[in-house]
Amino acid sequence: MSSTDWGPVIVATILFIMLSPGLLFQLPSRARVMEFGNMATSGIAILVHSILFFCILTILVIAIGIHIHAA
């Protein structure tokens, strides 16, 4: 029986929730450089948050090597 690596799935899900533009913070915002919890977004903010998501996910999964194995 083979075990499944759930590390990348769990890390990606948590990062997706935390880095949703406007949920916790938005970088850049419409009026300032950064706003917290405004629930409004723009195309540039989506692009910035996507790049942040990819970079942090790559660092955590590939460079650090987070692995969670389920039987």
PDB file of N, CA and C in Angstrom:
ATOM      1  N   MET A   1       0.841  -1.175   0.000  1.00  0.00           N
ATOM      2  CA  MET A   1       0.000   0.000   0.000  1.00  0.00           C
ATOM      3  C   MET A   1       0.892   1.246   0.000  1.00  0.00           C
ATOM      4  N   SER A   2       0.556   2.220  -0.808  1.00  0.00           N
ATOM      5  CA  SER A   2       1.362   3.434  -0.895  1.00  0.00           C
ATOM      6  C   SER A   2       0.750   4.533  -0.030  1.00  0.00           C
ATOM      7  N   SER A   3       1.608   5.402   0.478  1.00  0.00           N
ATOM      8  CA  SER A   3       1.119   6.528   1.271  1.00  0.00           C
ATOM      9  C   SER A   3       1.080   7.781   0.400  1.00  0.00           C
ATOM     10  N   THR A   4       0.184   8.648   0.736  1.00  0.00           N
ATOM     11  CA  THR A   4      -0.028   9.871  -0.029  1.00  0.00           C
ATOM     12  C   THR A   4       0.604  11.051   0.706  1.00  0.00           C
ATOM     13  N   ASP A   5       1.268  11.932  -0.034  1.00  0.00           N
ATOM     14  CA  ASP A   5       1.884  13.124   0.539  1.00  0.00           C
ATOM     15  C   ASP A   5       0.867  14.260   0.518  1.00  0.00           C
ATOM     16  N   TRP A   6       0.345  14.614   1.685  1.00  0.00           N
ATOM     17  CA  TRP A   6      -0.662  15.676   1.797  1.00  0.00           C
ATOM     18  C   TRP A   6      -0.048  17.032   2.123  1.00  0.00           C
ATOM     19  N   GLY A   7       1.244  17.122   2.314  1.00  0.00           N
ATOM     20  CA  GLY A   7       1.900  18.380   2.669  1.00  0.00           C
ATOM     21  C   GLY A   7       1.636  19.513   1.692  1.00  0.00           C
ATOM     22  N   PRO A   8       1.893  19.318   0.386  1.00  0.00           N
ATOM     23  CA  PRO A   8       1.636  20.403  -0.561  1.00  0.00           C
ATOM     24  C   PRO A   8       0.166  20.819  -0.632  1.00  0.00           C
ATOM     25  N   VAL A   9      -0.742  19.871  -0.465  1.00  0.00           N
ATOM     26  CA  VAL A   9      -2.176  20.192  -0.523  1.00  0.00           C
ATOM     27  C   VAL A   9      -2.585  21.057   0.664  1.00  0.00           C
ATOM     28  N   ILE A  10      -2.139  20.684   1.849  1.00  0.00           N
ATOM     29  CA  ILE A  10      -2.497  21.435   3.056  1.00  0.00           C
ATOM     30  C   ILE A  10      -1.852  22.816   3.047  1.00  0.00           C
ATOM     31  N   VAL A  11      -0.576  22.894   2.664  1.00  0.00           N
ATOM     32  CA  VAL A  11       0.119  24.182   2.612  1.00  0.00           C
ATOM     33  C   VAL A  11      -0.537  25.101   1.577  1.00  0.00           C
ATOM     34  N   ALA A  12      -0.879  24.577   0.407  1.00  0.00           N
ATOM     35  CA  ALA A  12      -1.509  25.394  -0.633  1.00  0.00           C
ATOM     36  C   ALA A  12      -2.883  25.886  -0.189  1.00  0.00           C
ATOM     37  N   THR A  13      -3.647  25.052   0.499  1.00  0.00           N
ATOM     38  CA  THR A  13      -4.973  25.465   0.967  1.00  0.00           C
ATOM     39  C   THR A  13      -4.872  26.573   2.004  1.00  0.00           C
ATOM     40  N   ILE A  14      -3.981  26.416   2.955  1.00  0.00           N
ATOM     41  CA  ILE A  14      -3.812  27.446   3.994  1.00  0.00           C
ATOM     42  C   ILE A  14      -3.321  28.758   3.386  1.00  0.00           C
ATOM     43  N   LEU A  15      -2.345  28.675   2.488  1.00  0.00           N
ATOM     44  CA  LEU A  15      -1.846  29.899   1.839  1.00  0.00           C
ATOM     45  C   LEU A  15      -2.913  30.563   0.982  1.00  0.00           C
ATOM     46  N   PHE A  16      -3.726  29.759   0.284  1.00  0.00           N
ATOM     47  CA  PHE A  16      -4.782  30.326  -0.549  1.00  0.00           C
ATOM     48  C   PHE A  16      -5.767  31.128   0.296  1.00  0.00           C
ATOM     49  N   ILE A  17      -6.126  30.598   1.453  1.00  0.00           N
ATOM     50  CA  ILE A  17      -7.056  31.311   2.334  1.00  0.00           C
ATOM     51  C   ILE A  17      -6.406  32.569   2.899  1.00  0.00           C
ATOM     52  N   MET A  18      -5.162  32.439   3.371  1.00  0.00           N
ATOM     53  CA  MET A  18      -4.495  33.585   3.990  1.00  0.00           C
ATOM     54  C   MET A  18      -4.126  34.681   2.998  1.00  0.00           C
ATOM     55  N   LEU A  19      -3.821  34.309   1.754  1.00  0.00           N
ATOM     56  CA  LEU A  19      -3.364  35.302   0.775  1.00  0.00           C
ATOM     57  C   LEU A  19      -4.456  35.743  -0.194  1.00  0.00           C
ATOM     58  N   SER A  20      -5.719  35.473   0.118  1.00  0.00           N
ATOM     59  CA  SER A  20      -6.802  35.982  -0.720  1.00  0.00           C
ATOM     60  C   SER A  20      -6.826  37.500  -0.596  1.00  0.00           C
ATOM     61  N   PRO A  21      -6.745  38.221  -1.716  1.00  0.00           N
ATOM     62  CA  PRO A  21      -6.683  39.685  -1.639  1.00  0.00           C
ATOM     63  C   PRO A  21      -7.907  40.257  -0.944  1.00  0.00           C
ATOM     64  N   GLY A  22      -7.671  41.098   0.058  1.00  0.00           N
ATOM     65  CA  GLY A  22      -8.743  41.772   0.764  1.00  0.00           C
ATOM     66  C   GLY A  22      -9.221  41.046   2.006  1.00  0.00           C
ATOM     67  N   LEU A  23      -8.879  39.769   2.168  1.00  0.00           N
ATOM     68  CA  LEU A  23      -9.348  39.033   3.343  1.00  0.00           C
ATOM     69  C   LEU A  23      -8.576  39.464   4.587  1.00  0.00           C
ATOM     70  N   LEU A  24      -7.285  39.228   4.625  1.00  0.00           N
ATOM     71  CA  LEU A  24      -6.458  39.700   5.735  1.00  0.00           C
ATOM     72  C   LEU A  24      -5.807  41.035   5.406  1.00  0.00           C
ATOM     73  N   PHE A  25      -5.254  41.118   4.205  1.00  0.00           N
ATOM     74  CA  PHE A  25      -4.617  42.360   3.762  1.00  0.00           C
ATOM     75  C   PHE A  25      -4.686  42.419   2.243  1.00  0.00           C
ATOM     76  N   GLN A  26      -4.446  43.607   1.702  1.00  0.00           N
ATOM     77  CA  GLN A  26      -4.388  43.790   0.260  1.00  0.00           C
ATOM     78  C   GLN A  26      -3.170  44.630  -0.064  1.00  0.00           C
ATOM     79  N   LEU A  27      -2.358  44.106  -0.969  1.00  0.00           N
ATOM     80  CA  LEU A  27      -1.114  44.769  -1.342  1.00  0.00           C
ATOM     81  C   LEU A  27      -1.028  44.822  -2.850  1.00  0.00           C
ATOM     82  N   PRO A  28      -1.022  45.878  -3.555  1.00  0.00           N
ATOM     83  CA  PRO A  28      -1.311  47.248  -3.158  1.00  0.00           C
ATOM     84  C   PRO A  28      -2.821  47.481  -3.110  1.00  0.00           C
ATOM     85  N   SER A  29      -3.227  48.442  -2.328  1.00  0.00           N
ATOM     86  CA  SER A  29      -4.654  48.757  -2.248  1.00  0.00           C
ATOM     87  C   SER A  29      -4.959  49.941  -3.162  1.00  0.00           C
ATOM     88  N   ARG A  30      -6.181  50.374  -3.149  1.00  0.00           N
ATOM     89  CA  ARG A  30      -6.565  51.483  -4.042  1.00  0.00           C
ATOM     90  C   ARG A  30      -6.120  52.839  -3.523  1.00  0.00           C
ATOM     91  N   ALA A  31      -6.108  53.003  -2.187  1.00  0.00           N
ATOM     92  CA  ALA A  31      -5.763  54.305  -1.622  1.00  0.00           C
ATOM     93  C   ALA A  31      -4.356  54.338  -1.031  1.00  0.00           C
ATOM     94  N   ARG A  32      -3.898  53.215  -0.490  1.00  0.00           N
ATOM     95  CA  ARG A  32      -2.592  53.162   0.171  1.00  0.00           C
ATOM     96  C   ARG A  32      -1.768  52.027  -0.407  1.00  0.00           C
ATOM     97  N   VAL A  33      -0.588  51.840   0.166  1.00  0.00           N
ATOM     98  CA  VAL A  33       0.251  50.725  -0.260  1.00  0.00           C
ATOM     99  C   VAL A  33      -0.328  49.419   0.250  1.00  0.00           C
ATOM    100  N   MET A  34      -0.812  49.408   1.504  1.00  0.00           N
ATOM    101  CA  MET A  34      -1.381  48.201   2.096  1.00  0.00           C
ATOM    102  C   MET A  34      -2.585  48.562   2.955  1.00  0.00           C
ATOM    103  N   GLU A  35      -3.654  47.785   2.841  1.00  0.00           N
ATOM    104  CA  GLU A  35      -4.825  47.933   3.698  1.00  0.00           C
ATOM    105  C   GLU A  35      -5.149  46.578   4.299  1.00  0.00           C
ATOM    106  N   PHE A  36      -5.798  46.588   5.444  1.00  0.00           N
ATOM    107  CA  PHE A  36      -6.141  45.354   6.129  1.00  0.00           C
ATOM    108  C   PHE A  36      -7.650  45.162   6.164  1.00  0.00           C
ATOM    109  N   GLY A  37      -8.118  43.979   5.736  1.00  0.00           N
ATOM    110  CA  GLY A  37      -9.511  43.579   5.855  1.00  0.00           C
ATOM    111  C   GLY A  37     -10.518  44.455   5.149  1.00  0.00           C
ATOM    112  N   ASN A  38     -10.199  44.966   3.972  1.00  0.00           N
ATOM    113  CA  ASN A  38     -11.141  45.848   3.300  1.00  0.00           C
ATOM    114  C   ASN A  38     -12.098  45.115   2.359  1.00  0.00           C
ATOM    115  N   MET A  39     -11.835  43.842   2.046  1.00  0.00           N
ATOM    116  CA  MET A  39     -12.669  42.998   1.189  1.00  0.00           C
ATOM    117  C   MET A  39     -12.923  43.591  -0.197  1.00  0.00           C
ATOM    118  N   ALA A  40     -12.073  44.480  -0.637  1.00  0.00           N
ATOM    119  CA  ALA A  40     -12.125  45.007  -2.003  1.00  0.00           C
ATOM    120  C   ALA A  40     -10.813  44.627  -2.676  1.00  0.00           C
ATOM    121  N   THR A  41     -10.858  44.439  -3.984  1.00  0.00           N
ATOM    122  CA  THR A  41      -9.645  43.999  -4.665  1.00  0.00           C
ATOM    123  C   THR A  41      -9.529  44.651  -6.035  1.00  0.00           C
ATOM    124  N   SER A  42      -8.378  44.496  -6.634  1.00  0.00           N
ATOM    125  CA  SER A  42      -8.131  45.009  -7.978  1.00  0.00           C
ATOM    126  C   SER A  42      -7.304  43.972  -8.729  1.00  0.00           C
ATOM    127  N   GLY A  43      -7.147  44.176 -10.009  1.00  0.00           N
ATOM    128  CA  GLY A  43      -6.372  43.249 -10.824  1.00  0.00           C
ATOM    129  C   GLY A  43      -4.914  43.188 -10.420  1.00  0.00           C
ATOM    130  N   ILE A  44      -4.352  44.334 -10.093  1.00  0.00           N
ATOM    131  CA  ILE A  44      -2.947  44.375  -9.661  1.00  0.00           C
ATOM    132  C   ILE A  44      -2.766  43.652  -8.340  1.00  0.00           C
ATOM    133  N   ALA A  45      -3.723  43.800  -7.411  1.00  0.00           N
ATOM    134  CA  ALA A  45      -3.636  43.110  -6.125  1.00  0.00           C
ATOM    135  C   ALA A  45      -3.707  41.594  -6.325  1.00  0.00           C
ATOM    136  N   ILE A  46      -4.548  41.143  -7.242  1.00  0.00           N
ATOM    137  CA  ILE A  46      -4.639  39.715  -7.542  1.00  0.00           C
ATOM    138  C   ILE A  46      -3.308  39.211  -8.086  1.00  0.00           C
ATOM    139  N   LEU A  47      -2.685  39.964  -8.963  1.00  0.00           N
ATOM    140  CA  LEU A  47      -1.388  39.581  -9.517  1.00  0.00           C
ATOM    141  C   LEU A  47      -0.309  39.514  -8.438  1.00  0.00           C
ATOM    142  N   VAL A  48      -0.255  40.514  -7.567  1.00  0.00           N
ATOM    143  CA  VAL A  48       0.749  40.546  -6.499  1.00  0.00           C
ATOM    144  C   VAL A  48       0.546  39.380  -5.538  1.00  0.00           C
ATOM    145  N   HIS A  49      -0.709  39.124  -5.159  1.00  0.00           N
ATOM    146  CA  HIS A  49      -0.990  38.033  -4.238  1.00  0.00           C
ATOM    147  C   HIS A  49      -0.718  36.672  -4.888  1.00  0.00           C
ATOM    148  N   SER A  50      -0.927  36.552  -6.186  1.00  0.00           N
ATOM    149  CA  SER A  50      -0.612  35.303  -6.889  1.00  0.00           C
ATOM    150  C   SER A  50       0.888  35.035  -6.898  1.00  0.00           C
ATOM    151  N   ILE A  51       1.672  36.071  -7.124  1.00  0.00           N
ATOM    152  CA  ILE A  51       3.127  35.926  -7.113  1.00  0.00           C
ATOM    153  C   ILE A  51       3.614  35.576  -5.710  1.00  0.00           C
ATOM    154  N   LEU A  52       3.052  36.233  -4.681  1.00  0.00           N
ATOM    155  CA  LEU A  52       3.404  35.897  -3.300  1.00  0.00           C
ATOM    156  C   LEU A  52       3.054  34.448  -2.978  1.00  0.00           C
ATOM    157  N   PHE A  53       1.867  34.008  -3.400  1.00  0.00           N
ATOM    158  CA  PHE A  53       1.419  32.638  -3.175  1.00  0.00           C
ATOM    159  C   PHE A  53       2.396  31.645  -3.794  1.00  0.00           C
ATOM    160  N   PHE A  54       2.747  31.858  -5.042  1.00  0.00           N
ATOM    161  CA  PHE A  54       3.666  30.954  -5.738  1.00  0.00           C
ATOM    162  C   PHE A  54       5.029  30.910  -5.067  1.00  0.00           C
ATOM    163  N   CYS A  55       5.570  32.068  -4.696  1.00  0.00           N
ATOM    164  CA  CYS A  55       6.896  32.117  -4.072  1.00  0.00           C
ATOM    165  C   CYS A  55       6.909  31.422  -2.713  1.00  0.00           C
ATOM    166  N   ILE A  56       5.921  31.714  -1.866  1.00  0.00           N
ATOM    167  CA  ILE A  56       5.888  31.114  -0.534  1.00  0.00           C
ATOM    168  C   ILE A  56       5.621  29.618  -0.629  1.00  0.00           C
ATOM    169  N   LEU A  57       4.726  29.199  -1.524  1.00  0.00           N
ATOM    170  CA  LEU A  57       4.445  27.776  -1.702  1.00  0.00           C
ATOM    171  C   LEU A  57       5.690  27.033  -2.182  1.00  0.00           C
ATOM    172  N   THR A  58       6.415  27.613  -3.112  1.00  0.00           N
ATOM    173  CA  THR A  58       7.635  26.993  -3.619  1.00  0.00           C
ATOM    174  C   THR A  58       8.683  26.859  -2.523  1.00  0.00           C
ATOM    175  N   ILE A  59       8.838  27.886  -1.725  1.00  0.00           N
ATOM    176  CA  ILE A  59       9.812  27.837  -0.639  1.00  0.00           C
ATOM    177  C   ILE A  59       9.435  26.768   0.379  1.00  0.00           C
ATOM    178  N   LEU A  60       8.169  26.719   0.776  1.00  0.00           N
ATOM    179  CA  LEU A  60       7.755  25.773   1.809  1.00  0.00           C
ATOM    180  C   LEU A  60       7.767  24.320   1.327  1.00  0.00           C
ATOM    181  N   VAL A  61       7.334  24.073   0.099  1.00  0.00           N
ATOM    182  CA  VAL A  61       7.199  22.695  -0.369  1.00  0.00           C
ATOM    183  C   VAL A  61       8.508  22.157  -0.944  1.00  0.00           C
ATOM    184  N   ILE A  62       9.209  22.958  -1.735  1.00  0.00           N
ATOM    185  CA  ILE A  62      10.410  22.457  -2.404  1.00  0.00           C
ATOM    186  C   ILE A  62      11.666  22.717  -1.583  1.00  0.00           C
ATOM    187  N   ALA A  63      11.882  23.950  -1.151  1.00  0.00           N
ATOM    188  CA  ALA A  63      13.128  24.280  -0.459  1.00  0.00           C
ATOM    189  C   ALA A  63      13.162  23.706   0.958  1.00  0.00           C
ATOM    190  N   ILE A  64      12.093  23.899   1.719  1.00  0.00           N
ATOM    191  CA  ILE A  64      12.058  23.388   3.086  1.00  0.00           C
ATOM    192  C   ILE A  64      11.634  21.920   3.088  1.00  0.00           C
ATOM    193  N   GLY A  65      10.725  21.557   2.215  1.00  0.00           N
ATOM    194  CA  GLY A  65      10.316  20.170   2.088  1.00  0.00           C
ATOM    195  C   GLY A  65       9.283  19.717   3.098  1.00  0.00           C
ATOM    196  N   ILE A  66       8.167  20.414   3.165  1.00  0.00           N
ATOM    197  CA  ILE A  66       7.098  20.018   4.087  1.00  0.00           C
ATOM    198  C   ILE A  66       6.369  18.818   3.492  1.00  0.00           C
ATOM    199  N   HIS A  67       6.334  17.731   4.263  1.00  0.00           N
ATOM    200  CA  HIS A  67       5.664  16.506   3.822  1.00  0.00           C
ATOM    201  C   HIS A  67       4.802  15.965   4.951  1.00  0.00           C
ATOM    202  N   ILE A  68       3.576  15.608   4.631  1.00  0.00           N
ATOM    203  CA  ILE A  68       2.672  14.960   5.576  1.00  0.00           C
ATOM    204  C   ILE A  68       2.178  13.696   4.888  1.00  0.00           C
ATOM    205  N   HIS A  69       2.545  12.553   5.410  1.00  0.00           N
ATOM    206  CA  HIS A  69       2.186  11.291   4.793  1.00  0.00           C
ATOM    207  C   HIS A  69       1.016  10.649   5.505  1.00  0.00           C
ATOM    208  N   ALA A  70       0.024  10.233   4.738  1.00  0.00           N
ATOM    209  CA  ALA A  70      -1.146   9.531   5.270  1.00  0.00           C
ATOM    210  C   ALA A  70      -1.087   8.089   4.827  1.00  0.00           C
ATOM    211  N   ALA A  71      -1.496   7.226   5.701  1.00  0.00           N
ATOM    212  CA  ALA A  71      -1.452   5.788   5.373  1.00  0.00           C
ATOM    213  C   ALA A  71      -2.587   5.385   4.471  1.00  0.00           C
TER     214      ALA A  71
END
